[in-house]
Amino acid sequence: MLENYSNLVFLGLAFSKPYLVTFLEQRKEPWSVKRHAKVGAHAGSKSYKCKECGKTFDWKPLLIKHQSIHTGGKPYICKECDKGFNYSFNLKKHQRIHTGEKPYKCEVCGKAFLCSSYLRKHQRIHTGEKPYKCEECGKAFTSGSGLVVHRRVHTGEKPYECEECGKAFTIRIALSKHQRIHTGEKPYKCDECGKTFNVHSTLSKHQRIHTGEKPYKCEECGMAFNVRCILSKHQRIHTGEKPYKCQECGKAFICSSSLHQHQRIHTGEKPYKCDECGQAFTLASYLRKHRRIHIGEKPYTCKECGKAFYCSFSLIYHQRVHIGENPYKCDECGKAFSIYSSYMNHQRIHSGEKPYKCNECEKSFNNRHNLTRHQKVHTGEKAYKCKECGKAFTCTTDLTQHEKIHTGEKPYTCEECGKAFNSSSNLKRHCRLHSGEKPSQCEQHGNTLENCSGFTRHNRRPTRNNPV
């Protein structure tokens, strides 16, 4: 009894000291205090009932503590961030986020955790144990909470609602994360670059940019990723699975985010607007990347050559230049690409598909980037300005290529003769001198020309039927 009370004090559950404990501390026999303290009619009896939810307790302080869940009272406040908790042990667990303490370590892989329950769940990854099975679909889970949350997929239940905007969630932690959008709270800070995040998992993913860690590997092609969900999306390239379908045009996608992004083509919605230049975007991530152009921020640096980039995926694509990796291969012609979007754009050359249409002049394009660039012809917008000479451009790629004139950078080298170029397109044109390839043919004269600009100039020449 005395030991139990000490444990309750440690957990923050004990209020006033019971008479029986006082007498035990004085080394008196329990039966000598029967007339002083009423311990409970029978062992194991639950005489204290919560009027709110009907749950019963065998000790009144436990009932009082439980009722704080319904009243919203959170007496244990974190001095670091002012977050409140119902129980002191939850506060202690939370404080480890700020201190970085992870006392529970996996003996198999060395990964450390804030609390023992997280470690137990993690250990099931190594053992493969999934003791909690869904009766509806047969899917199994490593934790009971995972099963409870999964069942809500079948029932449609979303019990956690945001008071600010009314959005509902299947789990409490998702609501907590969402509420940080309204409060602006970002408690998770990167020690490497100082960037802050509203979700711990996002911080963990971000830190892999600095460490270069890619723990999620594709068994099909060996490609590795720093985030599990990106691996899952990637694996659908091999399986051909596209579970997310557009109801407007029937087009299917590998992931839901790509579908949401695509649907804005039909709606024309661009909800994310730049305060600096007024340019609007379909995705918040596009706006964040765009803002870096105005402030000149390039947080992602290549360890191989020191080149810096506005966004992480540009760095990933760039790194493939050094390793020569081209994982996306066209079944039609065998051409390989380092970027999936380039691979998709290329396939439209074979299919002739041009799904991106200009509302101004009805001209169609095979990729969104070319449409966006074309639309600036109508608006006259040149949002990307060179800091060196002030020249403005309609798109970032033109600005980046132009900046190489000032820096003298020529990263694209011909393997045949060693000559270097400031753009891949210039290198391709040069390579045709070695191969003898002349891809552009004039229908009027039958002449073949080495590049598009030469082809355009040639077509301006007068003919007998069409004198200038």
Foldseek 3Di string as FASTA:
>chain_A
DLVVQVVCVVWVQDDDDFPQNVVVVVVHDSVVCVVPHDQDDDPPDFDAADPVPGDTHSDVSVNVLVCCVVVVDFPDADPVPRDGHSIPVVVVLVVCLVVVDFPAADPPPGDGHSDPVVVQLVVCVVVVDFPAADPVPGDTHSDPVVNQLVVCVVVVDFPAADPVPGDTHSDPVVNQLVVCVVVVDFPHADPVPGDTHSDPVVNQLVVCLVVVDFPAADPVPGDTHSDPVVSQLVVCVVVVDFPAADPVPGDTHSDPVVNQLVVCLVVVDFPAADPPPGDTHSDPVVNQLVVCLVVVDFPRADPVPGDTHSDSVVNVLVVCVVVVDFPAADPVPGDTHSDPVVSQLVVCVVVVDFPRADPVPRDTHSDPVVNQLVVCVVVVDFPRADPVPGDTHSDPVVNQLVVCVVVVDFPAADPVPGDTHSDPVVNVLVVCVVVVDFPDADPVPRDGHSDDVVVVVVVVDADPVRGD
